[in-house]
């Protein structure tokens, strides 16, 4: 019976990832001499080795990003990050406003522009991870409709040129803080 339930849970997760456009597995990049491995149980995941390298570097250089990922690791939210070459005008990244529940976890997906420079990409990822934290902090968000309602409530109205965009002050401020920390370390 337990095996059947476990198999059903795995099947639901695989189905959810496929529906969300995700890929199974995680990047396999091995750490260099002064890099630590990206934890396989991290709640921030990617199948893209370059993104994992950028995340490791960002965590090493930005206490704000490190703290944010620690908060997400203690939550029930798991975030998959994927990169794309071309983004819609006005976007560097976005949190897909879909949520998938499987077992005790809520799964989210972030899409980022792979063409951004390293520090810019790191700060943009931090911005989107702050949005994931906003979902994590809202235990009542259990569906995509709940997610839409949350971001309508948190929206500051900063996105005036893009109709389907919502923005929060927390994400804007966190992105700036990470950018400042990365810039100070150069």
C-alpha atoms as a PDB file:
ATOM      1  CA  UNK A   1       0.000   0.000   0.000  1.00  0.00           C
ATOM      2  CA  UNK A   2       2.764   2.475   0.953  1.00  0.00           C
ATOM      3  CA  UNK A   3       4.590   1.701  -2.281  1.00  0.00           C
ATOM      4  CA  UNK A   4       1.447   2.378  -4.294  1.00  0.00           C
ATOM      5  CA  UNK A   5       0.903   5.734  -2.566  1.00  0.00           C
ATOM      6  CA  UNK A   6       4.553   6.653  -3.084  1.00  0.00           C
ATOM      7  CA  UNK A   7       4.353   5.696  -6.760  1.00  0.00           C
ATOM      8  CA  UNK A   8       1.187   7.782  -7.135  1.00  0.00           C
ATOM      9  CA  UNK A   9       2.897  10.771  -5.500  1.00  0.00           C
ATOM     10  CA  UNK A  10       5.921  10.444  -7.777  1.00  0.00           C
ATOM     11  CA  UNK A  11       3.633  10.159 -10.805  1.00  0.00           C
ATOM     12  CA  UNK A  12       1.780  13.337  -9.757  1.00  0.00           C
ATOM     13  CA  UNK A  13       5.051  15.240  -9.339  1.00  0.00           C
ATOM     14  CA  UNK A  14       6.384  14.072 -12.699  1.00  0.00           C
ATOM     15  CA  UNK A  15       3.092  14.996 -14.356  1.00  0.00           C
ATOM     16  CA  UNK A  16       3.112  18.407 -12.694  1.00  0.00           C
ATOM     17  CA  UNK A  17       6.663  19.113 -13.826  1.00  0.00           C
ATOM     18  CA  UNK A  18       5.864  18.110 -17.367  1.00  0.00           C
ATOM     19  CA  UNK A  19       2.737  20.276 -17.347  1.00  0.00           C
ATOM     20  CA  UNK A  20       4.741  23.210 -16.017  1.00  0.00           C
ATOM     21  CA  UNK A  21       7.385  22.659 -18.685  1.00  0.00           C
ATOM     22  CA  UNK A  22      10.043  21.504 -16.244  1.00  0.00           C
ATOM     23  CA  UNK A  23      12.598  18.786 -16.742  1.00  0.00           C
ATOM     24  CA  UNK A  24      13.318  15.921 -14.427  1.00  0.00           C
ATOM     25  CA  UNK A  25      16.576  15.802 -12.568  1.00  0.00           C
ATOM     26  CA  UNK A  26      19.006  18.438 -11.480  1.00  0.00           C
ATOM     27  CA  UNK A  27      22.251  19.733 -12.865  1.00  0.00           C
ATOM     28  CA  UNK A  28      25.237  17.555 -12.211  1.00  0.00           C
ATOM     29  CA  UNK A  29      28.011  20.093 -12.116  1.00  0.00           C
ATOM     30  CA  UNK A  30      30.753  19.122  -9.721  1.00  0.00           C
ATOM     31  CA  UNK A  31      32.104  21.843  -7.439  1.00  0.00           C
ATOM     32  CA  UNK A  32      35.533  23.280  -8.007  1.00  0.00           C
ATOM     33  CA  UNK A  33      38.175  23.561  -5.282  1.00  0.00           C
ATOM     34  CA  UNK A  34      36.688  26.675  -3.666  1.00  0.00           C
ATOM     35  CA  UNK A  35      33.012  26.010  -4.407  1.00  0.00           C
ATOM     36  CA  UNK A  36      30.575  23.990  -2.363  1.00  0.00           C
ATOM     37  CA  UNK A  37      28.084  21.668  -4.010  1.00  0.00           C
ATOM     38  CA  UNK A  38      24.530  22.894  -4.445  1.00  0.00           C
ATOM     39  CA  UNK A  39      22.542  20.904  -1.910  1.00  0.00           C
ATOM     40  CA  UNK A  40      20.442  18.231  -3.574  1.00  0.00           C
ATOM     41  CA  UNK A  41      17.689  18.863  -1.029  1.00  0.00           C
ATOM     42  CA  UNK A  42      17.600  22.610  -1.648  1.00  0.00           C
ATOM     43  CA  UNK A  43      14.165  24.030  -2.306  1.00  0.00           C
ATOM     44  CA  UNK A  44      15.704  26.140  -5.092  1.00  0.00           C
ATOM     45  CA  UNK A  45      16.477  23.876  -8.026  1.00  0.00           C
ATOM     46  CA  UNK A  46      17.506  23.963 -11.657  1.00  0.00           C
ATOM     47  CA  UNK A  47      18.525  21.537 -14.357  1.00  0.00           C
ATOM     48  CA  UNK A  48      20.839  24.237 -15.734  1.00  0.00           C
ATOM     49  CA  UNK A  49      24.449  23.921 -14.554  1.00  0.00           C
ATOM     50  CA  UNK A  50      25.155  27.598 -15.294  1.00  0.00           C
ATOM     51  CA  UNK A  51      22.245  28.729 -13.111  1.00  0.00           C
ATOM     52  CA  UNK A  52      23.428  26.531 -10.241  1.00  0.00           C
ATOM     53  CA  UNK A  53      26.935  27.996 -10.557  1.00  0.00           C
ATOM     54  CA  UNK A  54      25.449  31.520 -10.501  1.00  0.00           C
ATOM     55  CA  UNK A  55      23.369  30.631  -7.443  1.00  0.00           C
ATOM     56  CA  UNK A  56      26.414  29.221  -5.597  1.00  0.00           C
ATOM     57  CA  UNK A  57      28.391  32.349  -6.409  1.00  0.00           C
ATOM     58  CA  UNK A  58      25.484  34.576  -5.382  1.00  0.00           C
ATOM     59  CA  UNK A  59      25.021  32.787  -2.055  1.00  0.00           C
ATOM     60  CA  UNK A  60      28.755  33.145  -1.355  1.00  0.00           C
ATOM     61  CA  UNK A  61      28.709  36.890  -2.117  1.00  0.00           C
ATOM     62  CA  UNK A  62      25.269  38.006  -0.896  1.00  0.00           C
ATOM     63  CA  UNK A  63      24.058  37.438   2.663  1.00  0.00           C
ATOM     64  CA  UNK A  64      20.606  38.630   1.579  1.00  0.00           C
ATOM     65  CA  UNK A  65      20.326  35.941  -1.110  1.00  0.00           C
ATOM     66  CA  UNK A  66      21.729  33.327   1.281  1.00  0.00           C
ATOM     67  CA  UNK A  67      19.118  34.236   3.923  1.00  0.00           C
ATOM     68  CA  UNK A  68      16.319  34.173   1.334  1.00  0.00           C
ATOM     69  CA  UNK A  69      17.260  30.686   0.166  1.00  0.00           C
ATOM     70  CA  UNK A  70      17.503  29.536   3.797  1.00  0.00           C
ATOM     71  CA  UNK A  71      13.931  30.745   4.364  1.00  0.00           C
ATOM     72  CA  UNK A  72      12.726  28.917   1.251  1.00  0.00           C
ATOM     73  CA  UNK A  73      14.569  25.754   2.348  1.00  0.00           C
ATOM     74  CA  UNK A  74      12.570  25.791   5.587  1.00  0.00           C
ATOM     75  CA  UNK A  75       9.269  26.277   3.763  1.00  0.00           C
ATOM     76  CA  UNK A  76       6.955  23.929   1.892  1.00  0.00           C
ATOM     77  CA  UNK A  77       7.693  25.722  -1.402  1.00  0.00           C
ATOM     78  CA  UNK A  78      10.076  24.238  -3.964  1.00  0.00           C
ATOM     79  CA  UNK A  79      11.151  26.497  -6.825  1.00  0.00           C
ATOM     80  CA  UNK A  80      12.430  25.305 -10.192  1.00  0.00           C
ATOM     81  CA  UNK A  81      14.415  27.877 -12.175  1.00  0.00           C
ATOM     82  CA  UNK A  82      14.781  27.601 -15.920  1.00  0.00           C
ATOM     83  CA  UNK A  83      16.401  29.948 -18.400  1.00  0.00           C
ATOM     84  CA  UNK A  84      15.298  31.191 -21.790  1.00  0.00           C
ATOM     85  CA  UNK A  85      17.140  33.170 -24.412  1.00  0.00           C
ATOM     86  CA  UNK A  86      14.417  35.591 -25.383  1.00  0.00           C
ATOM     87  CA  UNK A  87      11.899  37.119 -23.041  1.00  0.00           C
ATOM     88  CA  UNK A  88       8.847  39.208 -23.610  1.00  0.00           C
ATOM     89  CA  UNK A  89       9.707  42.916 -23.858  1.00  0.00           C
ATOM     90  CA  UNK A  90       9.976  44.440 -20.413  1.00  0.00           C
ATOM     91  CA  UNK A  91      10.779  41.164 -18.627  1.00  0.00           C
ATOM     92  CA  UNK A  92      14.112  39.918 -17.322  1.00  0.00           C
ATOM     93  CA  UNK A  93      12.433  37.101 -15.412  1.00  0.00           C
ATOM     94  CA  UNK A  94       9.097  36.078 -13.981  1.00  0.00           C
ATOM     95  CA  UNK A  95       7.444  33.739 -11.531  1.00  0.00           C
ATOM     96  CA  UNK A  96       4.948  31.587 -13.401  1.00  0.00           C
ATOM     97  CA  UNK A  97       1.583  32.145 -11.718  1.00  0.00           C
ATOM     98  CA  UNK A  98       0.833  28.449 -11.493  1.00  0.00           C
ATOM     99  CA  UNK A  99       1.200  26.317  -8.433  1.00  0.00           C
ATOM    100  CA  UNK A 100       1.319  22.549  -8.229  1.00  0.00           C
ATOM    101  CA  UNK A 101       0.754  20.710  -4.992  1.00  0.00           C
ATOM    102  CA  UNK A 102       2.148  17.263  -4.346  1.00  0.00           C
ATOM    103  CA  UNK A 103       2.165  15.774  -0.901  1.00  0.00           C
ATOM    104  CA  UNK A 104       3.123  18.475   1.569  1.00  0.00           C
ATOM    105  CA  UNK A 105       4.922  20.687  -0.972  1.00  0.00           C
ATOM    106  CA  UNK A 106       3.936  23.488  -3.316  1.00  0.00           C
ATOM    107  CA  UNK A 107       5.935  23.701  -6.547  1.00  0.00           C
ATOM    108  CA  UNK A 108       6.648  26.943  -8.408  1.00  0.00           C
ATOM    109  CA  UNK A 109       8.594  27.793 -11.541  1.00  0.00           C
ATOM    110  CA  UNK A 110      10.730  30.844 -12.269  1.00  0.00           C
ATOM    111  CA  UNK A 111      11.879  31.698 -15.796  1.00  0.00           C
ATOM    112  CA  UNK A 112      14.940  33.924 -16.263  1.00  0.00           C
ATOM    113  CA  UNK A 113      16.683  35.519 -19.242  1.00  0.00           C
ATOM    114  CA  UNK A 114      19.939  33.596 -19.692  1.00  0.00           C
ATOM    115  CA  UNK A 115      21.430  36.489 -21.702  1.00  0.00           C
ATOM    116  CA  UNK A 116      21.784  38.740 -18.647  1.00  0.00           C
ATOM    117  CA  UNK A 117      25.230  39.368 -17.168  1.00  0.00           C
ATOM    118  CA  UNK A 118      26.078  37.252 -14.109  1.00  0.00           C
ATOM    119  CA  UNK A 119      25.424  39.792 -11.330  1.00  0.00           C
ATOM    120  CA  UNK A 120      22.306  41.138 -13.026  1.00  0.00           C
ATOM    121  CA  UNK A 121      20.992  37.592 -13.445  1.00  0.00           C
ATOM    122  CA  UNK A 122      21.748  36.824  -9.800  1.00  0.00           C
ATOM    123  CA  UNK A 123      19.848  39.867  -8.551  1.00  0.00           C
ATOM    124  CA  UNK A 124      16.917  39.109 -10.886  1.00  0.00           C
ATOM    125  CA  UNK A 125      16.784  35.521  -9.602  1.00  0.00           C
ATOM    126  CA  UNK A 126      16.746  36.916  -6.052  1.00  0.00           C
ATOM    127  CA  UNK A 127      13.836  39.174  -7.027  1.00  0.00           C
ATOM    128  CA  UNK A 128      11.832  36.195  -8.300  1.00  0.00           C
ATOM    129  CA  UNK A 129      12.766  34.073  -5.290  1.00  0.00           C
ATOM    130  CA  UNK A 130      11.337  36.847  -3.103  1.00  0.00           C
ATOM    131  CA  UNK A 131       8.048  36.359  -4.960  1.00  0.00           C
ATOM    132  CA  UNK A 132       8.326  32.636  -4.178  1.00  0.00           C
ATOM    133  CA  UNK A 133       8.856  33.567  -0.524  1.00  0.00           C
ATOM    134  CA  UNK A 134       5.698  35.666  -0.643  1.00  0.00           C
ATOM    135  CA  UNK A 135       3.865  32.513  -1.731  1.00  0.00           C
ATOM    136  CA  UNK A 136       5.637  30.488   0.965  1.00  0.00           C
ATOM    137  CA  UNK A 137       4.570  33.013   3.612  1.00  0.00           C
ATOM    138  CA  UNK A 138       0.935  32.705   2.502  1.00  0.00           C
ATOM    139  CA  UNK A 139      -0.068  29.208   3.616  1.00  0.00           C
ATOM    140  CA  UNK A 140      -3.556  29.774   2.205  1.00  0.00           C
ATOM    141  CA  UNK A 141      -2.175  29.879  -1.345  1.00  0.00           C
ATOM    142  CA  UNK A 142      -2.904  26.350  -2.536  1.00  0.00           C
ATOM    143  CA  UNK A 143      -3.933  26.929  -6.151  1.00  0.00           C
ATOM    144  CA  UNK A 144      -3.085  29.084  -9.144  1.00  0.00           C
ATOM    145  CA  UNK A 145      -6.243  31.144  -8.480  1.00  0.00           C
ATOM    146  CA  UNK A 146      -5.074  31.718  -4.886  1.00  0.00           C
ATOM    147  CA  UNK A 147      -1.716  32.830  -6.263  1.00  0.00           C
ATOM    148  CA  UNK A 148      -3.365  35.353  -8.598  1.00  0.00           C
ATOM    149  CA  UNK A 149      -5.363  36.737  -5.653  1.00  0.00           C
ATOM    150  CA  UNK A 150      -2.227  37.029  -3.498  1.00  0.00           C
ATOM    151  CA  UNK A 151      -0.298  39.009  -6.098  1.00  0.00           C
ATOM    152  CA  UNK A 152      -3.256  41.260  -6.877  1.00  0.00           C
ATOM    153  CA  UNK A 153      -3.348  42.074  -3.160  1.00  0.00           C
ATOM    154  CA  UNK A 154       0.426  42.660  -2.936  1.00  0.00           C
ATOM    155  CA  UNK A 155       0.716  44.524  -6.257  1.00  0.00           C
ATOM    156  CA  UNK A 156       2.213  48.010  -5.996  1.00  0.00           C
ATOM    157  CA  UNK A 157       1.148  49.057  -9.492  1.00  0.00           C
ATOM    158  CA  UNK A 158       4.759  49.490 -10.691  1.00  0.00           C
ATOM    159  CA  UNK A 159       4.103  47.556 -13.907  1.00  0.00           C
ATOM    160  CA  UNK A 160       2.221  50.108 -15.947  1.00  0.00           C
ATOM    161  CA  UNK A 161       3.432  49.166 -19.432  1.00  0.00           C
ATOM    162  CA  UNK A 162       2.815  45.431 -19.114  1.00  0.00           C
ATOM    163  CA  UNK A 163      -0.815  44.488 -18.561  1.00  0.00           C
ATOM    164  CA  UNK A 164      -0.348  41.036 -17.005  1.00  0.00           C
ATOM    165  CA  UNK A 165       2.438  42.081 -14.634  1.00  0.00           C
ATOM    166  CA  UNK A 166       2.240  42.498 -10.880  1.00  0.00           C
ATOM    167  CA  UNK A 167       5.055  43.752  -8.675  1.00  0.00           C
ATOM    168  CA  UNK A 168       5.788  43.927  -4.956  1.00  0.00           C
ATOM    169  CA  UNK A 169       7.904  46.378  -2.991  1.00  0.00           C
ATOM    170  CA  UNK A 170       9.608  43.514  -1.140  1.00  0.00           C
ATOM    171  CA  UNK A 171      10.915  41.978  -4.385  1.00  0.00           C
ATOM    172  CA  UNK A 172      12.112  45.331  -5.744  1.00  0.00           C
ATOM    173  CA  UNK A 173      13.944  46.149  -2.503  1.00  0.00           C
ATOM    174  CA  UNK A 174      15.455  42.681  -2.187  1.00  0.00           C
ATOM    175  CA  UNK A 175      16.757  42.786  -5.771  1.00  0.00           C
ATOM    176  CA  UNK A 176      18.401  46.158  -5.062  1.00  0.00           C
ATOM    177  CA  UNK A 177      19.961  44.845  -1.827  1.00  0.00           C
ATOM    178  CA  UNK A 178      21.435  41.808  -3.585  1.00  0.00           C
ATOM    179  CA  UNK A 179      22.705  43.995  -6.438  1.00  0.00           C
ATOM    180  CA  UNK A 180      24.413  46.317  -3.914  1.00  0.00           C
ATOM    181  CA  UNK A 181      26.057  43.359  -2.124  1.00  0.00           C
ATOM    182  CA  UNK A 182      27.296  41.881  -5.398  1.00  0.00           C
ATOM    183  CA  UNK A 183      28.589  45.279  -6.575  1.00  0.00           C
ATOM    184  CA  UNK A 184      30.416  45.913  -3.307  1.00  0.00           C
ATOM    185  CA  UNK A 185      32.296  42.640  -3.659  1.00  0.00           C
ATOM    186  CA  UNK A 186      33.848  43.444  -7.052  1.00  0.00           C
END
